[in-house]
Amino acid sequence: MQTHFSPEAAAELVQAQLDAALPRLQEWLRVDLAQRLNRELELHIHALLDVRMEALARELALELRPWLEDMAQDTMARVLAEGLGS
């Protein structure tokens, strides 16, 4: 047998169900939003780190270039001197 509710009783029942579900929904949204924001923040941090690492690599290459060129010239001079000496 089916129970029929008055419109007011049905509205109260629906409101009670919504009130009961609201805290769970709010918690789910809070957790979901926190996880999404955390993922977005991680992506932004990784992107910033990638950019910074590229900049540092370029700076390091510029700093090391003269030293490497000197080392290469010294090595070539030694090879030529040893080659001419034999």
PDB file of N, CA and C in Angstrom:
ATOM      1  N   MET A   1       0.833  -1.159   0.000  1.00  0.00           N
ATOM      2  CA  MET A   1       0.000   0.000   0.000  1.00  0.00           C
ATOM      3  C   MET A   1       0.896   1.246   0.000  1.00  0.00           C
ATOM      4  N   GLN A   2       0.552   2.192  -0.814  1.00  0.00           N
ATOM      5  CA  GLN A   2       1.357   3.394  -0.991  1.00  0.00           C
ATOM      6  C   GLN A   2       0.852   4.493  -0.062  1.00  0.00           C
ATOM      7  N   THR A   3       1.794   5.145   0.606  1.00  0.00           N
ATOM      8  CA  THR A   3       1.428   6.224   1.512  1.00  0.00           C
ATOM      9  C   THR A   3       1.451   7.529   0.733  1.00  0.00           C
ATOM     10  N   HIS A   4       0.444   8.311   0.911  1.00  0.00           N
ATOM     11  CA  HIS A   4       0.372   9.620   0.249  1.00  0.00           C
ATOM     12  C   HIS A   4       0.628  10.697   1.284  1.00  0.00           C
ATOM     13  N   PHE A   5       1.478  11.614   0.920  1.00  0.00           N
ATOM     14  CA  PHE A   5       1.812  12.723   1.808  1.00  0.00           C
ATOM     15  C   PHE A   5       1.119  13.977   1.309  1.00  0.00           C
ATOM     16  N   SER A   6       0.807  14.831   2.230  1.00  0.00           N
ATOM     17  CA  SER A   6       0.307  16.143   1.832  1.00  0.00           C
ATOM     18  C   SER A   6       1.493  16.904   1.251  1.00  0.00           C
ATOM     19  N   PRO A   7       1.254  17.913   0.453  1.00  0.00           N
ATOM     20  CA  PRO A   7       2.366  18.688  -0.110  1.00  0.00           C
ATOM     21  C   PRO A   7       3.280  19.247   0.984  1.00  0.00           C
ATOM     22  N   GLU A   8       2.701  19.670   2.083  1.00  0.00           N
ATOM     23  CA  GLU A   8       3.509  20.221   3.175  1.00  0.00           C
ATOM     24  C   GLU A   8       4.382  19.133   3.800  1.00  0.00           C
ATOM     25  N   ALA A   9       3.800  17.946   4.009  1.00  0.00           N
ATOM     26  CA  ALA A   9       4.555  16.840   4.601  1.00  0.00           C
ATOM     27  C   ALA A   9       5.662  16.382   3.657  1.00  0.00           C
ATOM     28  N   ALA A  10       5.352  16.335   2.368  1.00  0.00           N
ATOM     29  CA  ALA A  10       6.362  15.944   1.380  1.00  0.00           C
ATOM     30  C   ALA A  10       7.502  16.961   1.366  1.00  0.00           C
ATOM     31  N   ALA A  11       7.153  18.246   1.422  1.00  0.00           N
ATOM     32  CA  ALA A  11       8.172  19.293   1.434  1.00  0.00           C
ATOM     33  C   ALA A  11       9.043  19.178   2.680  1.00  0.00           C
ATOM     34  N   GLU A  12       8.428  18.891   3.823  1.00  0.00           N
ATOM     35  CA  GLU A  12       9.187  18.734   5.067  1.00  0.00           C
ATOM     36  C   GLU A  12      10.122  17.526   4.984  1.00  0.00           C
ATOM     37  N   LEU A  13       9.635  16.433   4.395  1.00  0.00           N
ATOM     38  CA  LEU A  13      10.457  15.228   4.242  1.00  0.00           C
ATOM     39  C   LEU A  13      11.662  15.507   3.342  1.00  0.00           C
ATOM     40  N   VAL A  14      11.401  16.167   2.227  1.00  0.00           N
ATOM     41  CA  VAL A  14      12.494  16.508   1.300  1.00  0.00           C
ATOM     42  C   VAL A  14      13.484  17.444   1.986  1.00  0.00           C
ATOM     43  N   GLN A  15      12.977  18.433   2.718  1.00  0.00           N
ATOM     44  CA  GLN A  15      13.857  19.373   3.424  1.00  0.00           C
ATOM     45  C   GLN A  15      14.701  18.641   4.466  1.00  0.00           C
ATOM     46  N   ALA A  16      14.105  17.706   5.178  1.00  0.00           N
ATOM     47  CA  ALA A  16      14.843  16.929   6.181  1.00  0.00           C
ATOM     48  C   ALA A  16      15.941  16.101   5.515  1.00  0.00           C
ATOM     49  N   GLN A  17      15.641  15.507   4.359  1.00  0.00           N
ATOM     50  CA  GLN A  17      16.648  14.721   3.639  1.00  0.00           C
ATOM     51  C   GLN A  17      17.781  15.620   3.141  1.00  0.00           C
ATOM     52  N   LEU A  18      17.414  16.794   2.646  1.00  0.00           N
ATOM     53  CA  LEU A  18      18.437  17.749   2.203  1.00  0.00           C
ATOM     54  C   LEU A  18      19.298  18.203   3.373  1.00  0.00           C
ATOM     55  N   ASP A  19      18.655  18.501   4.493  1.00  0.00           N
ATOM     56  CA  ASP A  19      19.401  18.928   5.682  1.00  0.00           C
ATOM     57  C   ASP A  19      20.357  17.833   6.148  1.00  0.00           C
ATOM     58  N   ALA A  20      19.922  16.578   6.054  1.00  0.00           N
ATOM     59  CA  ALA A  20      20.768  15.459   6.468  1.00  0.00           C
ATOM     60  C   ALA A  20      21.930  15.259   5.497  1.00  0.00           C
ATOM     61  N   ALA A  21      21.692  15.486   4.209  1.00  0.00           N
ATOM     62  CA  ALA A  21      22.726  15.262   3.193  1.00  0.00           C
ATOM     63  C   ALA A  21      23.703  16.431   3.089  1.00  0.00           C
ATOM     64  N   LEU A  22      23.294  17.610   3.501  1.00  0.00           N
ATOM     65  CA  LEU A  22      24.109  18.812   3.324  1.00  0.00           C
ATOM     66  C   LEU A  22      25.499  18.710   3.965  1.00  0.00           C
ATOM     67  N   PRO A  23      25.651  18.265   5.206  1.00  0.00           N
ATOM     68  CA  PRO A  23      27.007  18.177   5.770  1.00  0.00           C
ATOM     69  C   PRO A  23      27.922  17.233   4.982  1.00  0.00           C
ATOM     70  N   ARG A  24      27.393  16.102   4.529  1.00  0.00           N
ATOM     71  CA  ARG A  24      28.212  15.173   3.737  1.00  0.00           C
ATOM     72  C   ARG A  24      28.614  15.820   2.416  1.00  0.00           C
ATOM     73  N   LEU A  25      27.678  16.503   1.790  1.00  0.00           N
ATOM     74  CA  LEU A  25      27.963  17.174   0.524  1.00  0.00           C
ATOM     75  C   LEU A  25      29.003  18.275   0.724  1.00  0.00           C
ATOM     76  N   GLN A  26      28.850  19.043   1.792  1.00  0.00           N
ATOM     77  CA  GLN A  26      29.824  20.107   2.065  1.00  0.00           C
ATOM     78  C   GLN A  26      31.213  19.523   2.308  1.00  0.00           C
ATOM     79  N   GLU A  27      31.297  18.432   3.052  1.00  0.00           N
ATOM     80  CA  GLU A  27      32.591  17.795   3.313  1.00  0.00           C
ATOM     81  C   GLU A  27      33.198  17.261   2.020  1.00  0.00           C
ATOM     82  N   TRP A  28      32.380  16.619   1.201  1.00  0.00           N
ATOM     83  CA  TRP A  28      32.869  16.091  -0.073  1.00  0.00           C
ATOM     84  C   TRP A  28      33.395  17.226  -0.943  1.00  0.00           C
ATOM     85  N   LEU A  29      32.636  18.330  -1.014  1.00  0.00           N
ATOM     86  CA  LEU A  29      33.074  19.471  -1.819  1.00  0.00           C
ATOM     87  C   LEU A  29      34.364  20.071  -1.268  1.00  0.00           C
ATOM     88  N   ARG A  30      34.465  20.170   0.056  1.00  0.00           N
ATOM     89  CA  ARG A  30      35.668  20.723   0.672  1.00  0.00           C
ATOM     90  C   ARG A  30      36.888  19.863   0.330  1.00  0.00           C
ATOM     91  N   VAL A  31      36.744  18.556   0.471  1.00  0.00           N
ATOM     92  CA  VAL A  31      37.855  17.639   0.178  1.00  0.00           C
ATOM     93  C   VAL A  31      38.194  17.676  -1.308  1.00  0.00           C
ATOM     94  N   ASP A  32      37.181  17.633  -2.159  1.00  0.00           N
ATOM     95  CA  ASP A  32      37.408  17.652  -3.605  1.00  0.00           C
ATOM     96  C   ASP A  32      38.094  18.946  -4.022  1.00  0.00           C
ATOM     97  N   LEU A  33      37.615  20.060  -3.504  1.00  0.00           N
ATOM     98  CA  LEU A  33      38.213  21.347  -3.848  1.00  0.00           C
ATOM     99  C   LEU A  33      39.655  21.423  -3.355  1.00  0.00           C
ATOM    100  N   ALA A  34      39.901  20.945  -2.146  1.00  0.00           N
ATOM    101  CA  ALA A  34      41.267  20.959  -1.609  1.00  0.00           C
ATOM    102  C   ALA A  34      42.193  20.108  -2.477  1.00  0.00           C
ATOM    103  N   GLN A  35      41.719  18.949  -2.903  1.00  0.00           N
ATOM    104  CA  GLN A  35      42.546  18.086  -3.752  1.00  0.00           C
ATOM    105  C   GLN A  35      42.822  18.741  -5.099  1.00  0.00           C
ATOM    106  N   ARG A  36      41.797  19.346  -5.683  1.00  0.00           N
ATOM    107  CA  ARG A  36      41.992  20.020  -6.980  1.00  0.00           C
ATOM    108  C   ARG A  36      42.970  21.179  -6.855  1.00  0.00           C
ATOM    109  N   LEU A  37      42.790  21.983  -5.806  1.00  0.00           N
ATOM    110  CA  LEU A  37      43.698  23.113  -5.603  1.00  0.00           C
ATOM    111  C   LEU A  37      45.123  22.632  -5.363  1.00  0.00           C
ATOM    112  N   ASN A  38      45.265  21.552  -4.625  1.00  0.00           N
ATOM    113  CA  ASN A  38      46.589  20.993  -4.371  1.00  0.00           C
ATOM    114  C   ASN A  38      47.247  20.552  -5.676  1.00  0.00           C
ATOM    115  N   ARG A  39      46.482  19.871  -6.538  1.00  0.00           N
ATOM    116  CA  ARG A  39      47.036  19.437  -7.832  1.00  0.00           C
ATOM    117  C   ARG A  39      47.429  20.642  -8.680  1.00  0.00           C
ATOM    118  N   GLU A  40      46.570  21.659  -8.710  1.00  0.00           N
ATOM    119  CA  GLU A  40      46.882  22.860  -9.494  1.00  0.00           C
ATOM    120  C   GLU A  40      48.135  23.547  -8.953  1.00  0.00           C
ATOM    121  N   LEU A  41      48.224  23.628  -7.645  1.00  0.00           N
ATOM    122  CA  LEU A  41      49.389  24.249  -7.026  1.00  0.00           C
ATOM    123  C   LEU A  41      50.657  23.469  -7.360  1.00  0.00           C
ATOM    124  N   GLU A  42      50.580  22.154  -7.299  1.00  0.00           N
ATOM    125  CA  GLU A  42      51.736  21.326  -7.660  1.00  0.00           C
ATOM    126  C   GLU A  42      52.158  21.573  -9.103  1.00  0.00           C
ATOM    127  N   LEU A  43      51.185  21.644 -10.015  1.00  0.00           N
ATOM    128  CA  LEU A  43      51.511  21.893 -11.423  1.00  0.00           C
ATOM    129  C   LEU A  43      52.193  23.243 -11.598  1.00  0.00           C
ATOM    130  N   HIS A  44      51.682  24.264 -10.909  1.00  0.00           N
ATOM    131  CA  HIS A  44      52.289  25.592 -11.019  1.00  0.00           C
ATOM    132  C   HIS A  44      53.699  25.602 -10.431  1.00  0.00           C
ATOM    133  N   ILE A  45      53.874  24.933  -9.307  1.00  0.00           N
ATOM    134  CA  ILE A  45      55.204  24.877  -8.692  1.00  0.00           C
ATOM    135  C   ILE A  45      56.183  24.159  -9.618  1.00  0.00           C
ATOM    136  N   HIS A  46      55.755  23.044 -10.203  1.00  0.00           N
ATOM    137  CA  HIS A  46      56.640  22.316 -11.127  1.00  0.00           C
ATOM    138  C   HIS A  46      56.983  23.176 -12.340  1.00  0.00           C
ATOM    139  N   ALA A  47      56.003  23.904 -12.855  1.00  0.00           N
ATOM    140  CA  ALA A  47      56.265  24.774 -14.006  1.00  0.00           C
ATOM    141  C   ALA A  47      57.270  25.864 -13.630  1.00  0.00           C
ATOM    142  N   LEU A  48      57.090  26.463 -12.459  1.00  0.00           N
ATOM    143  CA  LEU A  48      58.036  27.493 -12.015  1.00  0.00           C
ATOM    144  C   LEU A  48      59.432  26.911 -11.806  1.00  0.00           C
ATOM    145  N   LEU A  49      59.496  25.722 -11.233  1.00  0.00           N
ATOM    146  CA  LEU A  49      60.796  25.079 -11.037  1.00  0.00           C
ATOM    147  C   LEU A  49      61.460  24.759 -12.369  1.00  0.00           C
ATOM    148  N   ASP A  50      60.674  24.298 -13.345  1.00  0.00           N
ATOM    149  CA  ASP A  50      61.232  24.009 -14.671  1.00  0.00           C
ATOM    150  C   ASP A  50      61.828  25.262 -15.292  1.00  0.00           C
ATOM    151  N   VAL A  51      61.095  26.370 -15.204  1.00  0.00           N
ATOM    152  CA  VAL A  51      61.583  27.632 -15.768  1.00  0.00           C
ATOM    153  C   VAL A  51      62.860  28.064 -15.048  1.00  0.00           C
ATOM    154  N   ARG A  52      62.844  27.953 -13.728  1.00  0.00           N
ATOM    155  CA  ARG A  52      64.018  28.362 -12.947  1.00  0.00           C
ATOM    156  C   ARG A  52      65.223  27.467 -13.252  1.00  0.00           C
ATOM    157  N   MET A  53      64.990  26.176 -13.374  1.00  0.00           N
ATOM    158  CA  MET A  53      66.085  25.254 -13.681  1.00  0.00           C
ATOM    159  C   MET A  53      66.672  25.546 -15.058  1.00  0.00           C
ATOM    160  N   GLU A  54      65.827  25.868 -16.031  1.00  0.00           N
ATOM    161  CA  GLU A  54      66.331  26.216 -17.364  1.00  0.00           C
ATOM    162  C   GLU A  54      67.185  27.474 -17.293  1.00  0.00           C
ATOM    163  N   ALA A  55      66.725  28.454 -16.528  1.00  0.00           N
ATOM    164  CA  ALA A  55      67.489  29.693 -16.384  1.00  0.00           C
ATOM    165  C   ALA A  55      68.830  29.421 -15.699  1.00  0.00           C
ATOM    166  N   LEU A  56      68.812  28.604 -14.664  1.00  0.00           N
ATOM    167  CA  LEU A  56      70.063  28.264 -13.975  1.00  0.00           C
ATOM    168  C   LEU A  56      71.012  27.496 -14.888  1.00  0.00           C
ATOM    169  N   ALA A  57      70.470  26.607 -15.703  1.00  0.00           N
ATOM    170  CA  ALA A  57      71.308  25.846 -16.637  1.00  0.00           C
ATOM    171  C   ALA A  57      71.970  26.784 -17.646  1.00  0.00           C
ATOM    172  N   ARG A  58      71.218  27.764 -18.154  1.00  0.00           N
ATOM    173  CA  ARG A  58      71.799  28.738 -19.086  1.00  0.00           C
ATOM    174  C   ARG A  58      72.893  29.558 -18.401  1.00  0.00           C
ATOM    175  N   GLU A  59      72.616  30.003 -17.171  1.00  0.00           N
ATOM    176  CA  GLU A  59      73.612  30.776 -16.429  1.00  0.00           C
ATOM    177  C   GLU A  59      74.873  29.951 -16.194  1.00  0.00           C
ATOM    178  N   LEU A  60      74.692  28.702 -15.819  1.00  0.00           N
ATOM    179  CA  LEU A  60      75.839  27.824 -15.575  1.00  0.00           C
ATOM    180  C   LEU A  60      76.644  27.613 -16.854  1.00  0.00           C
ATOM    181  N   ALA A  61      75.947  27.415 -17.960  1.00  0.00           N
ATOM    182  CA  ALA A  61      76.640  27.224 -19.242  1.00  0.00           C
ATOM    183  C   ALA A  61      77.456  28.467 -19.596  1.00  0.00           C
ATOM    184  N   LEU A  62      76.888  29.641 -19.368  1.00  0.00           N
ATOM    185  CA  LEU A  62      77.624  30.876 -19.649  1.00  0.00           C
ATOM    186  C   LEU A  62      78.840  31.014 -18.735  1.00  0.00           C
ATOM    187  N   GLU A  63      78.676  30.636 -17.476  1.00  0.00           N
ATOM    188  CA  GLU A  63      79.794  30.723 -16.524  1.00  0.00           C
ATOM    189  C   GLU A  63      80.894  29.717 -16.869  1.00  0.00           C
ATOM    190  N   LEU A  64      80.509  28.534 -17.294  1.00  0.00           N
ATOM    191  CA  LEU A  64      81.488  27.477 -17.559  1.00  0.00           C
ATOM    192  C   LEU A  64      82.149  27.598 -18.925  1.00  0.00           C
ATOM    193  N   ARG A  65      81.526  28.305 -19.842  1.00  0.00           N
ATOM    194  CA  ARG A  65      82.042  28.366 -21.209  1.00  0.00           C
ATOM    195  C   ARG A  65      83.496  28.823 -21.289  1.00  0.00           C
ATOM    196  N   PRO A  66      83.866  29.945 -20.666  1.00  0.00           N
ATOM    197  CA  PRO A  66      85.276  30.362 -20.762  1.00  0.00           C
ATOM    198  C   PRO A  66      86.228  29.315 -20.174  1.00  0.00           C
ATOM    199  N   TRP A  67      85.857  28.729 -19.068  1.00  0.00           N
ATOM    200  CA  TRP A  67      86.694  27.702 -18.437  1.00  0.00           C
ATOM    201  C   TRP A  67      86.851  26.495 -19.360  1.00  0.00           C
ATOM    202  N   LEU A  68      85.746  26.070 -19.979  1.00  0.00           N
ATOM    203  CA  LEU A  68      85.805  24.925 -20.894  1.00  0.00           C
ATOM    204  C   LEU A  68      86.611  25.252 -22.145  1.00  0.00           C
ATOM    205  N   GLU A  69      86.474  26.484 -22.634  1.00  0.00           N
ATOM    206  CA  GLU A  69      87.259  26.888 -23.811  1.00  0.00           C
ATOM    207  C   GLU A  69      88.750  26.884 -23.484  1.00  0.00           C
ATOM    208  N   ASP A  70      89.102  27.401 -22.305  1.00  0.00           N
ATOM    209  CA  ASP A  70      90.514  27.385 -21.883  1.00  0.00           C
ATOM    210  C   ASP A  70      91.023  25.956 -21.769  1.00  0.00           C
ATOM    211  N   MET A  71      90.210  25.108 -21.184  1.00  0.00           N
ATOM    212  CA  MET A  71      90.599  23.712 -21.020  1.00  0.00           C
ATOM    213  C   MET A  71      90.797  23.048 -22.383  1.00  0.00           C
ATOM    214  N   ALA A  72      89.911  23.330 -23.318  1.00  0.00           N
ATOM    215  CA  ALA A  72      90.021  22.748 -24.659  1.00  0.00           C
ATOM    216  C   ALA A  72      91.276  23.257 -25.360  1.00  0.00           C
ATOM    217  N   GLN A  73      91.568  24.555 -25.230  1.00  0.00           N
ATOM    218  CA  GLN A  73      92.774  25.110 -25.853  1.00  0.00           C
ATOM    219  C   GLN A  73      94.036  24.499 -25.244  1.00  0.00           C
ATOM    220  N   ASP A  74      94.042  24.363 -23.928  1.00  0.00           N
ATOM    221  CA  ASP A  74      95.205  23.740 -23.270  1.00  0.00           C
ATOM    222  C   ASP A  74      95.393  22.312 -23.751  1.00  0.00           C
ATOM    223  N   THR A  75      94.296  21.583 -23.864  1.00  0.00           N
ATOM    224  CA  THR A  75      94.373  20.191 -24.315  1.00  0.00           C
ATOM    225  C   THR A  75      94.877  20.122 -25.748  1.00  0.00           C
ATOM    226  N   MET A  76      94.352  20.999 -26.618  1.00  0.00           N
ATOM    227  CA  MET A  76      94.804  21.001 -28.019  1.00  0.00           C
ATOM    228  C   MET A  76      96.277  21.387 -28.108  1.00  0.00           C
ATOM    229  N   ALA A  77      96.687  22.358 -27.311  1.00  0.00           N
ATOM    230  CA  ALA A  77      98.095  22.780 -27.329  1.00  0.00           C
ATOM    231  C   ALA A  77      98.989  21.632 -26.880  1.00  0.00           C
ATOM    232  N   ARG A  78      98.565  20.901 -25.840  1.00  0.00           N
ATOM    233  CA  ARG A  78      99.347  19.766 -25.346  1.00  0.00           C
ATOM    234  C   ARG A  78      99.423  18.669 -26.398  1.00  0.00           C
ATOM    235  N   VAL A  79      98.298  18.383 -27.060  1.00  0.00           N
ATOM    236  CA  VAL A  79      98.274  17.340 -28.093  1.00  0.00           C
ATOM    237  C   VAL A  79      99.177  17.738 -29.252  1.00  0.00           C
ATOM    238  N   LEU A  80      99.096  19.001 -29.658  1.00  0.00           N
ATOM    239  CA  LEU A  80      99.956  19.468 -30.753  1.00  0.00           C
ATOM    240  C   LEU A  80     101.428  19.416 -30.351  1.00  0.00           C
ATOM    241  N   ALA A  81     101.720  19.829 -29.119  1.00  0.00           N
ATOM    242  CA  ALA A  81     103.117  19.818 -28.654  1.00  0.00           C
ATOM    243  C   ALA A  81     103.642  18.397 -28.586  1.00  0.00           C
ATOM    244  N   GLU A  82     102.817  17.480 -28.097  1.00  0.00           N
ATOM    245  CA  GLU A  82     103.246  16.082 -28.019  1.00  0.00           C
ATOM    246  C   GLU A  82     103.370  15.483 -29.413  1.00  0.00           C
ATOM    247  N   GLY A  83     102.467  15.881 -30.296  1.00  0.00           N
ATOM    248  CA  GLY A  83     102.513  15.367 -31.663  1.00  0.00           C
ATOM    249  C   GLY A  83     103.725  15.888 -32.412  1.00  0.00           C
ATOM    250  N   LEU A  84     104.060  17.150 -32.217  1.00  0.00           N
ATOM    251  CA  LEU A  84     105.222  17.727 -32.880  1.00  0.00           C
ATOM    252  C   LEU A  84     106.519  17.232 -32.254  1.00  0.00           C
ATOM    253  N   GLY A  85     106.469  16.898 -30.995  1.00  0.00           N
ATOM    254  CA  GLY A  85     107.663  16.431 -30.294  1.00  0.00           C
ATOM    255  C   GLY A  85     108.037  15.009 -30.663  1.00  0.00           C
ATOM    256  N   SER A  86     107.113  14.220 -31.234  1.00  0.00           N
ATOM    257  CA  SER A  86     107.465  12.832 -31.537  1.00  0.00           C
ATOM    258  C   SER A  86     108.118  12.670 -32.864  1.00  0.00           C
TER     259      SER A  86
END
